[in-house]
Amino acid sequence: MKLLITGASGLLGSKLSEVATRKNYEVYSAYNQHKPHHGTPIQFNVSDRKAVKKTFEKIKPEAVVHAAALTNVDKCELEKELAWKINTEGTENIAESCKKHQAFLVYISTDYVFNGEKGMYKENDKPDPINYYGLTKLKGEESIKNLTDEYCIARASVIYGSTPATGKINFALWLLNKLKRKEKVKIVTDQWNSPTLNTNLANMILEVLERKLTGIFHLAGATRLNRNEFAKLLAETFSLDKNLITPVPSKEIKWIAKRPKDSSLNINKAHQTLRNKPLKIEQALTEMKKEIEQANSLQVT
């Protein structure tokens, strides 16, 4: 299958291109700034409509995973025009070209389309974002529904992984680095999510592509927990000192954008439908540890 991945140097995109290449997909790894390590690199900006059209004409992909986005929640709040251009207009451009070339599209969305007042959101619950990042991603979802027929909207939550993405570090690696250096960290106790290992997410997405599963799927981790619980489990898994973690309420953290209190996702639909199931947190952290150990042993040899 000829697969185009946008945001291919990001946390999900890089893992997805790695796994897809291993499975003998013909992978085209699209990027804007940082050249990806897997697949055939192809540079363009998703917000440039002409560049998107030209790329599709050249590659003629059978499937597209649109993972490119401005995901820095506070930056989206401060630079709304940029966030809209990338997350909303960029998604419109990708959707239009997918429709024209009859390419199956998987759009990576987020738990932040919900207001966080109840948690364990199902696919058919009504979105109501409370920050600009969530709004731009929701508008992206609406564009997909309006502009193309063959699509899957895949919502994930707090994506993390064993290797840093180009240009930014994920929460899990940030925490592990701090604890290894014996630095104290403040972690919030009143924000619940469904942390999602990028490898697990990549495998679920590829199954969605192969089976052409349409509609909305919550492809997140199978455990609802707050950031502090997640941090402590990470410390335990990697045998680090969890006493360095200080629990604090979110009002003590100086964020610019509002965060949903409980944006955890109900993954029953994915669990019942997919062969690659959403992993429980203990399984996912064991997998992450194994990946880090394998990478370290390769560096040694």
Protein backbone atom coordinates (compact mmCIF):
# COMPACT_ATOMS: atom_id res chain seq x y z
CA MET A 1 0.00 0.00 0.00
CA LYS A 2 1.23 3.48 -0.92
CA LEU A 3 0.98 5.46 2.32
CA LEU A 4 1.54 9.18 2.89
CA ILE A 5 2.14 10.25 6.51
CA THR A 6 2.07 13.95 7.40
CA GLY A 7 3.96 15.06 10.49
CA ALA A 8 6.29 12.10 9.95
CA SER A 9 9.03 13.46 12.18
CA GLY A 10 6.66 13.86 15.13
CA LEU A 11 6.05 11.50 18.03
CA LEU A 12 3.33 9.48 16.30
CA GLY A 13 4.38 10.05 12.68
CA SER A 14 7.93 8.80 13.24
CA LYS A 15 6.73 5.60 14.95
CA LEU A 16 4.06 5.07 12.32
CA SER A 17 6.54 5.42 9.44
CA GLU A 18 8.92 3.03 11.23
CA VAL A 19 6.25 0.34 11.79
CA ALA A 20 4.74 0.77 8.30
CA THR A 21 8.16 0.50 6.64
CA ARG A 22 8.81 -2.72 8.57
CA LYS A 23 5.48 -4.05 7.25
CA ASN A 24 6.60 -3.30 3.67
CA TYR A 25 4.29 -0.36 3.03
CA GLU A 26 5.52 2.10 0.42
CA VAL A 27 5.90 4.97 2.90
CA TYR A 28 6.17 8.66 2.02
CA SER A 29 7.14 10.64 5.12
CA ALA A 30 6.00 14.25 4.82
CA TYR A 31 7.63 16.91 6.96
CA ASN A 32 7.95 20.66 7.23
CA GLN A 33 11.22 21.26 9.13
CA HIS A 34 12.85 18.12 10.54
CA LYS A 35 13.73 15.33 8.09
CA PRO A 36 12.20 11.96 9.15
CA HIS A 37 14.30 8.82 9.69
CA HIS A 38 11.98 6.31 7.97
CA GLY A 39 10.27 6.14 4.58
CA THR A 40 10.86 8.41 1.59
CA PRO A 41 11.11 11.96 2.93
CA ILE A 42 8.98 14.57 1.18
CA GLN A 43 8.91 18.20 2.30
CA PHE A 44 5.84 20.43 2.18
CA ASN A 45 3.70 22.56 4.46
CA VAL A 46 0.15 21.24 4.98
CA SER A 47 -1.19 24.81 5.12
CA ASP A 48 0.10 25.46 1.57
CA ARG A 49 -2.80 24.25 -0.62
CA LYS A 50 -0.79 24.26 -3.85
CA ALA A 51 2.06 22.27 -2.28
CA VAL A 52 -0.42 19.69 -0.93
CA LYS A 53 -2.09 19.30 -4.35
CA LYS A 54 1.27 18.99 -6.08
CA THR A 55 2.45 16.31 -3.62
CA PHE A 56 -0.70 14.25 -4.10
CA GLU A 57 -0.38 14.52 -7.90
CA LYS A 58 3.18 13.27 -7.65
CA ILE A 59 2.68 10.41 -5.14
CA LYS A 60 -0.96 9.43 -5.73
CA PRO A 61 -1.25 7.79 -2.29
CA GLU A 62 -3.80 5.05 -1.61
CA ALA A 63 -3.95 6.00 2.08
CA VAL A 64 -3.02 9.03 4.18
CA VAL A 65 -2.45 9.45 7.90
CA HIS A 66 -2.73 13.13 8.72
CA ALA A 67 -0.72 13.49 11.94
CA ALA A 68 0.77 16.95 11.28
CA ALA A 69 -0.51 19.53 13.76
CA LEU A 70 0.48 22.35 16.07
CA THR A 71 0.02 20.43 19.33
CA ASN A 72 1.53 22.92 21.79
CA VAL A 73 -1.66 23.87 23.63
CA ASP A 74 -0.37 27.17 25.03
CA LYS A 75 1.20 28.21 21.71
CA CYS A 76 -2.16 27.60 20.00
CA GLU A 77 -3.76 29.98 22.51
CA LEU A 78 -1.10 32.65 21.90
CA GLU A 79 -0.78 32.24 18.12
CA LYS A 80 -4.33 31.55 17.04
CA GLU A 81 -3.81 32.45 13.40
CA LEU A 82 -0.94 29.96 13.09
CA ALA A 83 -2.92 27.25 14.91
CA TRP A 84 -5.89 27.76 12.58
CA LYS A 85 -3.68 27.74 9.50
CA ILE A 86 -1.99 24.43 10.40
CA ASN A 87 -4.69 22.52 12.27
CA THR A 88 -7.81 23.62 10.42
CA GLU A 89 -6.84 24.90 6.97
CA GLY A 90 -4.07 22.27 6.71
CA THR A 91 -6.60 19.53 7.39
CA GLU A 92 -8.99 20.97 4.78
CA ASN A 93 -6.19 20.85 2.20
CA ILE A 94 -5.37 17.22 2.99
CA ALA A 95 -9.07 16.21 2.97
CA GLU A 96 -9.70 17.87 -0.43
CA SER A 97 -6.76 16.04 -2.02
CA CYS A 98 -7.76 12.72 -0.43
CA LYS A 99 -11.23 13.11 -1.94
CA LYS A 100 -9.83 13.92 -5.38
CA HIS A 101 -7.40 10.98 -5.38
CA GLN A 102 -9.77 8.57 -3.57
CA ALA A 103 -7.24 8.02 -0.80
CA PHE A 104 -8.43 6.58 2.51
CA LEU A 105 -7.76 9.15 5.23
CA VAL A 106 -7.00 8.68 8.93
CA TYR A 107 -7.09 12.01 10.78
CA ILE A 108 -5.37 12.12 14.16
CA SER A 109 -7.54 14.09 16.55
CA THR A 110 -7.48 14.58 20.31
CA ASP A 111 -9.29 14.14 23.62
CA TYR A 112 -9.12 17.95 23.88
CA VAL A 113 -12.20 18.26 21.64
CA PHE A 114 -14.12 17.58 24.90
CA ASN A 115 -14.66 20.00 27.80
CA GLY A 116 -13.51 17.49 30.44
CA GLU A 117 -16.52 17.79 32.70
CA LYS A 118 -17.40 14.07 32.76
CA GLY A 119 -14.56 11.93 31.33
CA MET A 120 -14.61 8.50 29.68
CA TYR A 121 -15.99 10.08 26.53
CA LYS A 122 -17.51 7.85 23.86
CA GLU A 123 -17.18 8.47 20.12
CA ASN A 124 -20.73 9.86 19.86
CA ASP A 125 -20.46 12.26 22.82
CA LYS A 126 -20.82 15.90 21.84
CA PRO A 127 -17.49 17.77 21.54
CA ASP A 128 -17.17 21.09 23.37
CA PRO A 129 -13.54 22.28 23.43
CA ILE A 130 -12.42 24.76 26.11
CA ASN A 131 -9.14 25.83 24.46
CA TYR A 132 -8.13 26.96 20.97
CA TYR A 133 -6.10 23.83 20.23
CA GLY A 134 -9.17 21.68 20.85
CA LEU A 135 -11.30 24.01 18.70
CA THR A 136 -8.92 23.86 15.72
CA LYS A 137 -8.76 20.07 15.92
CA LEU A 138 -12.56 19.85 16.11
CA LYS A 139 -12.87 22.11 13.05
CA GLY A 140 -10.44 19.70 11.36
CA GLU A 141 -12.79 16.81 12.19
CA GLU A 142 -15.71 18.75 10.67
CA SER A 143 -13.71 19.41 7.49
CA ILE A 144 -12.96 15.70 7.12
CA LYS A 145 -16.65 14.83 7.42
CA ASN A 146 -17.67 17.52 4.93
CA LEU A 147 -14.95 17.10 2.33
CA THR A 148 -14.26 13.38 2.05
CA ASP A 149 -16.10 10.06 2.20
CA GLU A 150 -13.52 7.39 3.08
CA TYR A 151 -12.12 8.45 6.44
CA CYS A 152 -11.48 7.53 10.04
CA ILE A 153 -11.16 10.14 12.78
CA ALA A 154 -8.82 8.67 15.41
CA ARG A 155 -8.82 10.48 18.75
CA ALA A 156 -5.86 9.86 21.03
CA SER A 157 -4.80 11.22 24.44
CA VAL A 158 -1.39 12.20 25.89
CA ILE A 159 0.75 10.36 23.31
CA TYR A 160 4.13 9.24 24.66
CA GLY A 161 6.94 6.99 23.47
CA SER A 162 10.43 5.62 24.02
CA THR A 163 12.26 8.03 21.71
CA PRO A 164 12.02 11.84 21.56
CA ALA A 165 10.28 13.29 18.51
CA THR A 166 12.21 15.84 16.50
CA GLY A 167 12.03 19.19 18.18
CA LYS A 168 10.16 18.16 21.33
CA ILE A 169 10.13 15.69 24.20
CA ASN A 170 7.03 13.84 25.41
CA PHE A 171 5.81 13.86 29.02
CA ALA A 172 7.05 10.34 29.85
CA LEU A 173 10.63 10.95 28.64
CA TRP A 174 10.69 14.41 30.23
CA LEU A 175 9.74 12.89 33.57
CA LEU A 176 12.22 9.98 33.31
CA ASN A 177 15.05 12.39 32.48
CA LYS A 178 14.20 14.56 35.51
CA LEU A 179 14.02 11.58 37.88
CA LYS A 180 17.29 10.10 36.56
CA ARG A 181 18.95 13.42 37.39
CA LYS A 182 17.34 13.25 40.88
CA GLU A 183 15.41 16.46 40.21
CA LYS A 184 12.14 17.17 42.01
CA VAL A 185 9.04 17.62 39.84
CA LYS A 186 5.54 18.95 40.45
CA ILE A 187 2.82 16.89 38.79
CA VAL A 188 -0.91 17.69 38.83
CA THR A 189 -3.38 15.41 40.59
CA ASP A 190 -6.62 16.78 39.13
CA GLN A 191 -6.21 16.19 35.39
CA TRP A 192 -7.30 12.81 34.02
CA ASN A 193 -6.45 11.37 30.60
CA SER A 194 -5.91 8.07 28.77
CA PRO A 195 -2.13 8.08 28.08
CA THR A 196 -1.37 6.43 24.73
CA LEU A 197 1.87 4.67 23.76
CA ASN A 198 2.80 5.71 20.22
CA THR A 199 3.68 2.11 19.21
CA ASN A 200 0.26 0.86 20.30
CA LEU A 201 -1.41 3.75 18.48
CA ALA A 202 0.62 3.14 15.29
CA ASN A 203 -0.39 -0.53 15.22
CA MET A 204 -4.07 0.34 15.74
CA ILE A 205 -3.94 2.96 12.95
CA LEU A 206 -2.37 0.53 10.47
CA GLU A 207 -5.11 -1.99 11.22
CA VAL A 208 -7.72 0.72 10.60
CA LEU A 209 -6.04 1.44 7.25
CA GLU A 210 -5.78 -2.20 6.21
CA ARG A 211 -9.43 -2.89 7.08
CA LYS A 212 -10.67 0.55 5.90
CA LEU A 213 -12.62 1.08 9.12
CA THR A 214 -14.61 4.30 8.82
CA GLY A 215 -16.12 6.75 11.31
CA ILE A 216 -14.74 7.88 14.67
CA PHE A 217 -12.57 5.67 16.87
CA HIS A 218 -11.05 6.45 20.26
CA LEU A 219 -7.58 4.94 19.83
CA ALA A 220 -6.14 5.70 23.25
CA GLY A 221 -4.64 3.82 26.16
CA ALA A 222 -7.06 1.56 28.04
CA THR A 223 -6.46 3.11 31.48
CA ARG A 224 -7.92 6.36 32.86
CA LEU A 225 -5.54 7.97 35.32
CA ASN A 226 -4.41 11.37 36.46
CA ARG A 227 -1.00 12.83 35.62
CA ASN A 228 0.36 12.16 39.10
CA GLU A 229 -0.67 8.47 38.96
CA PHE A 230 0.90 8.20 35.49
CA ALA A 231 4.13 9.77 36.76
CA LYS A 232 4.34 7.39 39.73
CA LEU A 233 3.77 4.34 37.52
CA LEU A 234 6.55 5.54 35.23
CA ALA A 235 8.89 5.92 38.21
CA GLU A 236 8.01 2.41 39.45
CA THR A 237 8.42 0.80 36.01
CA PHE A 238 11.89 2.31 35.57
CA SER A 239 12.93 1.83 39.25
CA LEU A 240 13.30 5.54 39.90
CA ASP A 241 12.55 7.50 43.08
CA LYS A 242 8.86 8.42 43.07
CA ASN A 243 9.38 10.52 46.22
CA LEU A 244 10.85 13.16 43.88
CA ILE A 245 7.31 13.63 42.50
CA THR A 246 5.31 16.28 44.36
CA PRO A 247 1.53 16.16 43.81
CA VAL A 248 -0.01 19.59 43.19
CA PRO A 249 -3.40 20.94 42.06
CA SER A 250 -3.46 22.30 38.49
CA LYS A 251 -4.12 25.86 39.76
CA GLU A 252 -0.46 25.91 40.87
CA ILE A 253 0.75 25.39 37.27
CA LYS A 254 0.93 28.57 35.20
CA TRP A 255 -0.66 27.41 31.94
CA ILE A 256 -1.91 29.95 29.39
CA ALA A 257 -4.68 27.76 27.94
CA LYS A 258 -7.35 26.00 29.97
CA ARG A 259 -7.01 22.21 30.23
CA PRO A 260 -9.97 19.82 30.45
CA LYS A 261 -10.26 18.34 33.94
CA ASP A 262 -11.12 14.82 32.73
CA SER A 263 -10.77 14.17 29.00
CA SER A 264 -10.24 10.40 29.35
CA LEU A 265 -11.59 8.35 26.44
CA ASN A 266 -13.81 5.27 26.41
CA ILE A 267 -12.05 2.73 24.17
CA ASN A 268 -14.70 -0.02 24.16
CA LYS A 269 -15.39 0.38 20.43
CA ALA A 270 -11.70 -0.05 19.55
CA HIS A 271 -11.36 -2.94 22.01
CA GLN A 272 -14.32 -4.76 20.46
CA THR A 273 -13.40 -3.99 16.82
CA LEU A 274 -9.62 -4.23 16.58
CA ARG A 275 -7.24 -7.17 16.78
CA ASN A 276 -4.60 -4.69 18.01
CA LYS A 277 -6.23 -3.73 21.31
CA PRO A 278 -5.66 -0.53 23.27
CA LEU A 279 -3.07 -1.41 25.92
CA LYS A 280 -3.58 -1.04 29.66
CA ILE A 281 -1.05 1.28 31.24
CA GLU A 282 1.04 -1.49 32.84
CA GLN A 283 1.37 -3.34 29.49
CA ALA A 284 2.21 -0.11 27.66
CA LEU A 285 4.92 0.93 30.13
CA THR A 286 6.46 -2.56 30.00
CA GLU A 287 6.54 -2.24 26.19
CA MET A 288 8.09 1.22 26.42
CA LYS A 289 10.79 -0.04 28.82
CA LYS A 290 11.58 -2.91 26.46
CA GLU A 291 11.95 -0.49 23.53
CA ILE A 292 14.34 1.73 25.51
CA GLU A 293 16.41 -1.30 26.61
CA GLN A 294 16.60 -2.57 23.00
CA ALA A 295 17.68 0.85 21.74
CA ASN A 296 20.35 1.08 24.45
CA SER A 297 21.71 -2.41 23.66
CA LEU A 298 21.95 -1.49 19.96
CA GLN A 299 23.93 1.63 20.85
CA VAL A 300 26.30 -0.46 22.99
CA THR A 301 26.92 -2.98 20.17
